[in-house]
Amino acid sequence: MPKMKSNSGAKKRFELTGSGKVKRKHAFKSHILTKKTTKQKRNLTHTAVIANADEKRVKELILA
């Protein structure tokens, strides 16, 4: 049986932490930034940890 391929799009979007959690970036930070407040843009800069409900699916995509 051939090797499973990991999902190329998921590899670019997610990163694993040392403890095995999955990091993600916030959406809505790429364009149409003039109508967003400075505070909103600043808070979207930080990375977040993915929800527990999605963690298994995303790990399968990354580590396949």
PDB file of N, CA and C in Angstrom:
ATOM      1  N   MET A   1       0.848  -1.188   0.000  1.00  0.00           N
ATOM      2  CA  MET A   1       0.000   0.000   0.000  1.00  0.00           C
ATOM      3  C   MET A   1       0.888   1.244   0.000  1.00  0.00           C
ATOM      4  N   PRO A   2       0.576   2.250  -0.824  1.00  0.00           N
ATOM      5  CA  PRO A   2       1.438   3.441  -0.888  1.00  0.00           C
ATOM      6  C   PRO A   2       1.320   4.297   0.364  1.00  0.00           C
ATOM      7  N   LYS A   3       2.297   5.167   0.526  1.00  0.00           N
ATOM      8  CA  LYS A   3       2.289   6.081   1.668  1.00  0.00           C
ATOM      9  C   LYS A   3       1.135   7.059   1.544  1.00  0.00           C
ATOM     10  N   MET A   4       0.596   7.485   2.693  1.00  0.00           N
ATOM     11  CA  MET A   4      -0.443   8.520   2.701  1.00  0.00           C
ATOM     12  C   MET A   4       0.223   9.879   2.516  1.00  0.00           C
ATOM     13  N   LYS A   5      -0.387  10.729   1.730  1.00  0.00           N
ATOM     14  CA  LYS A   5       0.152  12.071   1.534  1.00  0.00           C
ATOM     15  C   LYS A   5      -0.488  13.032   2.520  1.00  0.00           C
ATOM     16  N   SER A   6       0.334  13.941   3.063  1.00  0.00           N
ATOM     17  CA  SER A   6      -0.237  14.990   3.908  1.00  0.00           C
ATOM     18  C   SER A   6      -0.824  16.069   3.009  1.00  0.00           C
ATOM     19  N   ASN A   7      -1.773  16.821   3.533  1.00  0.00           N
ATOM     20  CA  ASN A   7      -2.475  17.844   2.758  1.00  0.00           C
ATOM     21  C   ASN A   7      -1.596  19.083   2.639  1.00  0.00           C
ATOM     22  N   SER A   8      -1.254  19.473   1.407  1.00  0.00           N
ATOM     23  CA  SER A   8      -0.323  20.580   1.184  1.00  0.00           C
ATOM     24  C   SER A   8      -0.860  21.890   1.733  1.00  0.00           C
ATOM     25  N   GLY A   9      -2.166  22.143   1.574  1.00  0.00           N
ATOM     26  CA  GLY A   9      -2.754  23.373   2.090  1.00  0.00           C
ATOM     27  C   GLY A   9      -2.706  23.435   3.603  1.00  0.00           C
ATOM     28  N   ALA A  10      -2.948  22.311   4.260  1.00  0.00           N
ATOM     29  CA  ALA A  10      -2.923  22.265   5.718  1.00  0.00           C
ATOM     30  C   ALA A  10      -1.509  22.445   6.251  1.00  0.00           C
ATOM     31  N   LYS A  11      -0.521  21.898   5.541  1.00  0.00           N
ATOM     32  CA  LYS A  11       0.872  22.049   5.969  1.00  0.00           C
ATOM     33  C   LYS A  11       1.266  23.520   6.036  1.00  0.00           C
ATOM     34  N   LYS A  12       0.746  24.307   5.095  1.00  0.00           N
ATOM     35  CA  LYS A  12       1.091  25.729   5.038  1.00  0.00           C
ATOM     36  C   LYS A  12       0.337  26.545   6.078  1.00  0.00           C
ATOM     37  N   ARG A  13      -0.814  26.076   6.529  1.00  0.00           N
ATOM     38  CA  ARG A  13      -1.675  26.875   7.403  1.00  0.00           C
ATOM     39  C   ARG A  13      -1.495  26.582   8.886  1.00  0.00           C
ATOM     40  N   PHE A  14      -1.074  25.372   9.238  1.00  0.00           N
ATOM     41  CA  PHE A  14      -1.023  24.975  10.641  1.00  0.00           C
ATOM     42  C   PHE A  14       0.383  24.572  11.036  1.00  0.00           C
ATOM     43  N   GLU A  15       0.664  24.699  12.354  1.00  0.00           N
ATOM     44  CA  GLU A  15       1.973  24.346  12.883  1.00  0.00           C
ATOM     45  C   GLU A  15       1.765  23.670  14.236  1.00  0.00           C
ATOM     46  N   LEU A  16       2.572  22.662  14.515  1.00  0.00           N
ATOM     47  CA  LEU A  16       2.458  21.953  15.780  1.00  0.00           C
ATOM     48  C   LEU A  16       3.339  22.620  16.841  1.00  0.00           C
ATOM     49  N   THR A  17       2.837  22.694  18.071  1.00  0.00           N
ATOM     50  CA  THR A  17       3.632  23.197  19.181  1.00  0.00           C
ATOM     51  C   THR A  17       4.430  22.037  19.772  1.00  0.00           C
ATOM     52  N   GLY A  18       5.281  22.348  20.721  1.00  0.00           N
ATOM     53  CA  GLY A  18       6.081  21.315  21.362  1.00  0.00           C
ATOM     54  C   GLY A  18       5.245  20.312  22.126  1.00  0.00           C
ATOM     55  N   SER A  19       4.112  20.765  22.664  1.00  0.00           N
ATOM     56  CA  SER A  19       3.248  19.859  23.426  1.00  0.00           C
ATOM     57  C   SER A  19       2.259  19.107  22.544  1.00  0.00           C
ATOM     58  N   GLY A  20       2.293  19.358  21.222  1.00  0.00           N
ATOM     59  CA  GLY A  20       1.431  18.617  20.304  1.00  0.00           C
ATOM     60  C   GLY A  20       0.140  19.311  19.947  1.00  0.00           C
ATOM     61  N   LYS A  21      -0.059  20.538  20.427  1.00  0.00           N
ATOM     62  CA  LYS A  21      -1.246  21.289  20.042  1.00  0.00           C
ATOM     63  C   LYS A  21      -1.019  21.896  18.656  1.00  0.00           C
ATOM     64  N   VAL A  22      -2.102  22.338  18.025  1.00  0.00           N
ATOM     65  CA  VAL A  22      -2.010  22.880  16.666  1.00  0.00           C
ATOM     66  C   VAL A  22      -2.235  24.383  16.713  1.00  0.00           C
ATOM     67  N   LYS A  23      -1.276  25.141  16.163  1.00  0.00           N
ATOM     68  CA  LYS A  23      -1.387  26.595  16.104  1.00  0.00           C
ATOM     69  C   LYS A  23      -2.003  26.998  14.763  1.00  0.00           C
ATOM     70  N   ARG A  24      -2.732  28.120  14.779  1.00  0.00           N
ATOM     71  CA  ARG A  24      -3.326  28.654  13.558  1.00  0.00           C
ATOM     72  C   ARG A  24      -3.232  30.169  13.586  1.00  0.00           C
ATOM     73  N   LYS A  25      -3.407  30.773  12.415  1.00  0.00           N
ATOM     74  CA  LYS A  25      -3.455  32.225  12.337  1.00  0.00           C
ATOM     75  C   LYS A  25      -4.912  32.671  12.272  1.00  0.00           C
ATOM     76  N   HIS A  26      -5.141  33.934  12.617  1.00  0.00           N
ATOM     77  CA  HIS A  26      -6.481  34.491  12.535  1.00  0.00           C
ATOM     78  C   HIS A  26      -6.814  34.881  11.102  1.00  0.00           C
ATOM     79  N   ALA A  27      -8.080  34.810  10.771  1.00  0.00           N
ATOM     80  CA  ALA A  27      -8.561  35.262   9.471  1.00  0.00           C
ATOM     81  C   ALA A  27      -8.811  36.771   9.516  1.00  0.00           C
ATOM     82  N   PHE A  28      -9.189  37.341   8.392  1.00  0.00           N
ATOM     83  CA  PHE A  28      -9.579  38.759   8.257  1.00  0.00           C
ATOM     84  C   PHE A  28      -8.413  39.725   8.480  1.00  0.00           C
ATOM     85  N   LYS A  29      -7.194  39.323   8.132  1.00  0.00           N
ATOM     86  CA  LYS A  29      -6.044  40.217   8.321  1.00  0.00           C
ATOM     87  C   LYS A  29      -5.332  40.492   6.995  1.00  0.00           C
ATOM     88  N   SER A  30      -5.923  40.121   5.863  1.00  0.00           N
ATOM     89  CA  SER A  30      -5.189  40.215   4.602  1.00  0.00           C
ATOM     90  C   SER A  30      -5.523  41.453   3.780  1.00  0.00           C
ATOM     91  N   HIS A  31      -6.763  41.885   3.754  1.00  0.00           N
ATOM     92  CA  HIS A  31      -7.117  43.067   2.946  1.00  0.00           C
ATOM     93  C   HIS A  31      -8.348  43.736   3.536  1.00  0.00           C
ATOM     94  N   ILE A  32      -8.722  44.866   2.973  1.00  0.00           N
ATOM     95  CA  ILE A  32      -9.798  45.729   3.492  1.00  0.00           C
ATOM     96  C   ILE A  32      -9.512  46.070   4.961  1.00  0.00           C
ATOM     97  N   LEU A  33      -8.309  46.574   5.208  1.00  0.00           N
ATOM     98  CA  LEU A  33      -7.886  46.858   6.578  1.00  0.00           C
ATOM     99  C   LEU A  33      -8.228  48.277   7.018  1.00  0.00           C
ATOM    100  N   THR A  34      -8.655  49.126   6.085  1.00  0.00           N
ATOM    101  CA  THR A  34      -8.893  50.523   6.443  1.00  0.00           C
ATOM    102  C   THR A  34     -10.095  50.680   7.358  1.00  0.00           C
ATOM    103  N   LYS A  35     -11.093  49.839   7.205  1.00  0.00           N
ATOM    104  CA  LYS A  35     -12.293  49.969   8.045  1.00  0.00           C
ATOM    105  C   LYS A  35     -12.176  49.220   9.371  1.00  0.00           C
ATOM    106  N   LYS A  36     -11.085  48.494   9.571  1.00  0.00           N
ATOM    107  CA  LYS A  36     -10.890  47.784  10.831  1.00  0.00           C
ATOM    108  C   LYS A  36     -10.081  48.660  11.788  1.00  0.00           C
ATOM    109  N   THR A  37     -10.427  48.586  13.062  1.00  0.00           N
ATOM    110  CA  THR A  37      -9.733  49.411  14.042  1.00  0.00           C
ATOM    111  C   THR A  37      -8.318  48.882  14.272  1.00  0.00           C
ATOM    112  N   THR A  38      -7.462  49.754  14.781  1.00  0.00           N
ATOM    113  CA  THR A  38      -6.080  49.359  15.079  1.00  0.00           C
ATOM    114  C   THR A  38      -6.050  48.231  16.095  1.00  0.00           C
ATOM    115  N   LYS A  39      -6.927  48.303  17.077  1.00  0.00           N
ATOM    116  CA  LYS A  39      -6.988  47.261  18.109  1.00  0.00           C
ATOM    117  C   LYS A  39      -7.371  45.915  17.505  1.00  0.00           C
ATOM    118  N   GLN A  40      -8.344  45.945  16.598  1.00  0.00           N
ATOM    119  CA  GLN A  40      -8.791  44.702  15.965  1.00  0.00           C
ATOM    120  C   GLN A  40      -7.658  44.080  15.147  1.00  0.00           C
ATOM    121  N   LYS A  41      -6.961  44.918  14.362  1.00  0.00           N
ATOM    122  CA  LYS A  41      -5.853  44.412  13.541  1.00  0.00           C
ATOM    123  C   LYS A  41      -4.721  43.876  14.409  1.00  0.00           C
ATOM    124  N   ARG A  42      -4.445  44.552  15.516  1.00  0.00           N
ATOM    125  CA  ARG A  42      -3.385  44.115  16.424  1.00  0.00           C
ATOM    126  C   ARG A  42      -3.723  42.760  17.041  1.00  0.00           C
ATOM    127  N   ASN A  43      -4.966  42.593  17.442  1.00  0.00           N
ATOM    128  CA  ASN A  43      -5.370  41.330  18.061  1.00  0.00           C
ATOM    129  C   ASN A  43      -5.412  40.178  17.057  1.00  0.00           C
ATOM    130  N   LEU A  44      -5.635  40.465  15.792  1.00  0.00           N
ATOM    131  CA  LEU A  44      -5.642  39.418  14.769  1.00  0.00           C
ATOM    132  C   LEU A  44      -4.234  38.944  14.424  1.00  0.00           C
ATOM    133  N   THR A  45      -3.217  39.716  14.832  1.00  0.00           N
ATOM    134  CA  THR A  45      -1.834  39.366  14.518  1.00  0.00           C
ATOM    135  C   THR A  45      -1.386  38.114  15.266  1.00  0.00           C
ATOM    136  N   HIS A  46      -1.855  37.945  16.499  1.00  0.00           N
ATOM    137  CA  HIS A  46      -1.384  36.854  17.343  1.00  0.00           C
ATOM    138  C   HIS A  46      -1.921  35.507  16.851  1.00  0.00           C
ATOM    139  N   THR A  47      -1.146  34.463  17.096  1.00  0.00           N
ATOM    140  CA  THR A  47      -1.598  33.119  16.724  1.00  0.00           C
ATOM    141  C   THR A  47      -2.541  32.589  17.797  1.00  0.00           C
ATOM    142  N   ALA A  48      -3.333  31.596  17.431  1.00  0.00           N
ATOM    143  CA  ALA A  48      -4.275  30.973  18.348  1.00  0.00           C
ATOM    144  C   ALA A  48      -4.090  29.460  18.283  1.00  0.00           C
ATOM    145  N   VAL A  49      -4.608  28.766  19.274  1.00  0.00           N
ATOM    146  CA  VAL A  49      -4.578  27.302  19.288  1.00  0.00           C
ATOM    147  C   VAL A  49      -5.912  26.807  18.754  1.00  0.00           C
ATOM    148  N   ILE A  50      -5.871  25.777  17.950  1.00  0.00           N
ATOM    149  CA  ILE A  50      -7.088  25.267  17.308  1.00  0.00           C
ATOM    150  C   ILE A  50      -7.996  24.601  18.346  1.00  0.00           C
ATOM    151  N   ALA A  51      -9.278  24.589  18.086  1.00  0.00           N
ATOM    152  CA  ALA A  51     -10.252  24.020  19.022  1.00  0.00           C
ATOM    153  C   ALA A  51     -10.058  22.508  19.148  1.00  0.00           C
ATOM    154  N   ASN A  52     -10.393  21.991  20.319  1.00  0.00           N
ATOM    155  CA  ASN A  52     -10.240  20.552  20.567  1.00  0.00           C
ATOM    156  C   ASN A  52     -11.067  19.714  19.601  1.00  0.00           C
ATOM    157  N   ALA A  53     -12.217  20.219  19.184  1.00  0.00           N
ATOM    158  CA  ALA A  53     -13.096  19.468  18.289  1.00  0.00           C
ATOM    159  C   ALA A  53     -12.453  19.268  16.917  1.00  0.00           C
ATOM    160  N   ASP A  54     -11.606  20.205  16.485  1.00  0.00           N
ATOM    161  CA  ASP A  54     -10.985  20.134  15.157  1.00  0.00           C
ATOM    162  C   ASP A  54      -9.589  19.531  15.175  1.00  0.00           C
ATOM    163  N   GLU A  55      -9.032  19.328  16.346  1.00  0.00           N
ATOM    164  CA  GLU A  55      -7.621  18.953  16.448  1.00  0.00           C
ATOM    165  C   GLU A  55      -7.308  17.632  15.755  1.00  0.00           C
ATOM    166  N   LYS A  56      -8.150  16.631  15.940  1.00  0.00           N
ATOM    167  CA  LYS A  56      -7.882  15.310  15.359  1.00  0.00           C
ATOM    168  C   LYS A  56      -7.874  15.379  13.833  1.00  0.00           C
ATOM    169  N   ARG A  57      -8.869  16.083  13.256  1.00  0.00           N
ATOM    170  CA  ARG A  57      -8.945  16.192  11.801  1.00  0.00           C
ATOM    171  C   ARG A  57      -7.728  16.890  11.214  1.00  0.00           C
ATOM    172  N   VAL A  58      -7.311  17.981  11.847  1.00  0.00           N
ATOM    173  CA  VAL A  58      -6.194  18.760  11.322  1.00  0.00           C
ATOM    174  C   VAL A  58      -4.891  17.977  11.436  1.00  0.00           C
ATOM    175  N   LYS A  59      -4.704  17.259  12.542  1.00  0.00           N
ATOM    176  CA  LYS A  59      -3.492  16.455  12.707  1.00  0.00           C
ATOM    177  C   LYS A  59      -3.409  15.364  11.647  1.00  0.00           C
ATOM    178  N   GLU A  60      -4.540  14.788  11.287  1.00  0.00           N
ATOM    179  CA  GLU A  60      -4.537  13.769  10.236  1.00  0.00           C
ATOM    180  C   GLU A  60      -4.115  14.355   8.908  1.00  0.00           C
ATOM    181  N   LEU A  61      -4.532  15.600   8.637  1.00  0.00           N
ATOM    182  CA  LEU A  61      -4.149  16.259   7.394  1.00  0.00           C
ATOM    183  C   LEU A  61      -2.656  16.581   7.380  1.00  0.00           C
ATOM    184  N   ILE A  62      -2.118  17.026   8.510  1.00  0.00           N
ATOM    185  CA  ILE A  62      -0.716  17.432   8.566  1.00  0.00           C
ATOM    186  C   ILE A  62       0.219  16.235   8.589  1.00  0.00           C
ATOM    187  N   LEU A  63      -0.107  15.247   9.409  1.00  0.00           N
ATOM    188  CA  LEU A  63       0.838  14.156   9.701  1.00  0.00           C
ATOM    189  C   LEU A  63       0.624  12.905   8.866  1.00  0.00           C
ATOM    190  N   ALA A  64      -0.248  12.948   7.888  1.00  0.00           N
ATOM    191  CA  ALA A  64      -0.553  11.744   7.101  1.00  0.00           C
ATOM    192  C   ALA A  64       0.675  11.204   6.384  1.00  0.00           C
TER     193      ALA A  64
END
